[in-house]
Protein backbone atom coordinates (compact mmCIF):
# COMPACT_ATOMS: atom_id res chain seq x y z
CA MET A 1 -67.67 -108.66 -69.47
CA ASP A 2 -64.40 -110.53 -69.30
CA ALA A 3 -61.08 -108.82 -69.93
CA VAL A 4 -58.87 -110.64 -72.40
CA LEU A 5 -55.23 -109.64 -72.50
CA GLY A 6 -53.17 -109.89 -75.64
CA ARG A 7 -50.01 -112.00 -76.05
CA ASP A 8 -47.82 -109.52 -74.26
CA SER A 9 -49.00 -109.21 -70.67
CA ARG A 10 -47.27 -105.82 -70.49
CA SER A 11 -49.55 -104.48 -73.18
CA ARG A 12 -51.71 -101.58 -72.15
CA THR A 13 -54.52 -102.44 -74.51
CA VAL A 14 -57.24 -104.62 -73.10
CA LYS A 15 -59.86 -106.19 -75.32
CA TYR A 16 -63.21 -106.96 -73.77
CA LYS A 17 -65.03 -110.11 -74.70
CA GLN A 18 -68.79 -109.87 -74.41
CA THR A 19 -70.22 -113.05 -72.95
CA ASN A 20 -73.88 -112.18 -73.44
CA LYS A 21 -74.96 -109.93 -76.29
CA GLU A 22 -78.18 -108.97 -74.54
CA SER A 23 -76.32 -107.51 -71.55
CA GLY A 24 -74.12 -105.34 -73.74
CA THR A 25 -75.63 -102.05 -72.68
CA MET A 26 -73.80 -98.93 -73.73
CA ILE A 27 -75.83 -96.32 -71.83
CA PRO A 28 -73.56 -93.60 -70.43
CA VAL A 29 -72.95 -93.99 -66.71
CA ARG A 30 -73.52 -90.32 -65.89
CA CYS A 31 -75.58 -87.51 -67.32
CA PHE A 32 -73.39 -85.41 -69.60
CA THR A 33 -74.78 -82.15 -68.20
CA CYS A 34 -75.20 -82.53 -64.44
CA GLY A 35 -73.16 -85.66 -63.69
CA LYS A 36 -75.94 -87.62 -61.97
CA ILE A 37 -75.63 -91.41 -62.27
CA ILE A 38 -78.30 -92.57 -64.74
CA SER A 39 -77.10 -95.98 -65.89
CA THR A 40 -78.81 -97.72 -62.97
CA ALA A 41 -82.22 -96.62 -64.25
CA TRP A 42 -81.80 -97.80 -67.84
CA ASP A 43 -82.73 -101.49 -67.51
CA GLU A 44 -85.89 -100.80 -65.54
CA PHE A 45 -86.88 -98.00 -67.92
CA LYS A 46 -86.39 -100.26 -70.93
CA GLU A 47 -88.45 -103.11 -69.42
CA ARG A 48 -91.30 -100.89 -68.28
CA LYS A 49 -91.44 -99.02 -71.59
CA ALA A 50 -91.59 -102.33 -73.48
CA ALA A 51 -94.53 -103.29 -71.24
CA GLY A 52 -96.39 -100.22 -72.50
CA GLU A 53 -96.05 -97.86 -69.55
CA ASP A 54 -95.90 -94.10 -70.13
CA PRO A 55 -92.26 -92.86 -70.25
CA LYS A 56 -93.13 -89.78 -68.17
CA GLU A 57 -94.50 -91.94 -65.36
CA ILE A 58 -91.48 -94.24 -65.50
CA LEU A 59 -88.98 -91.38 -65.28
CA ASP A 60 -90.93 -89.78 -62.42
CA SER A 61 -90.97 -93.02 -60.44
CA LEU A 62 -87.24 -93.59 -61.06
CA GLY A 63 -86.46 -90.17 -59.59
CA LEU A 64 -85.15 -88.61 -62.79
CA GLU A 65 -86.53 -85.10 -62.39
CA ARG A 66 -83.97 -82.99 -64.24
CA TYR A 67 -84.68 -82.58 -67.92
CA CYS A 68 -81.03 -83.19 -68.80
CA CYS A 69 -81.15 -86.67 -67.21
CA ARG A 70 -84.52 -87.39 -68.80
CA ARG A 71 -83.05 -86.46 -72.17
CA MET A 72 -80.18 -88.90 -71.68
CA ILE A 73 -82.59 -91.79 -71.07
CA LEU A 74 -85.23 -90.84 -73.66
CA SER A 75 -82.83 -90.17 -76.52
CA HIS A 76 -80.55 -93.19 -75.99
CA LYS A 77 -80.56 -95.79 -78.76
CA GLU A 78 -78.73 -99.06 -78.31
CA ILE A 79 -76.62 -99.80 -81.37
CA ILE A 80 -74.25 -102.31 -79.80
CA ASN A 81 -75.92 -105.27 -81.53
CA GLU A 82 -75.43 -103.54 -84.89
CA LEU A 83 -71.72 -103.05 -84.15
CA TYR A 84 -70.93 -106.65 -83.11
CA PRO A 85 -70.11 -107.86 -86.66
CA TYR A 86 -67.34 -105.23 -86.91
CA GLN A 87 -65.32 -106.29 -83.86
């Protein structure tokens, strides 16, 4: 993601320009409940689930044992591609 500053370089607002729509992942970085970092597991989970592997086995192998972290991964839905037209 590339930061694009507005006209005034003193402006505090920074707009981000997405260079690749496929890499625009919006998974939260940390679990909302316990604070464990979960964003590193998202890409592998998504690929393995698309390949047909059981989500329980994927989460176990990724080391996500707490049910709060598992919930964050299982219930996440990527809507970033639906929001692109409204930028």
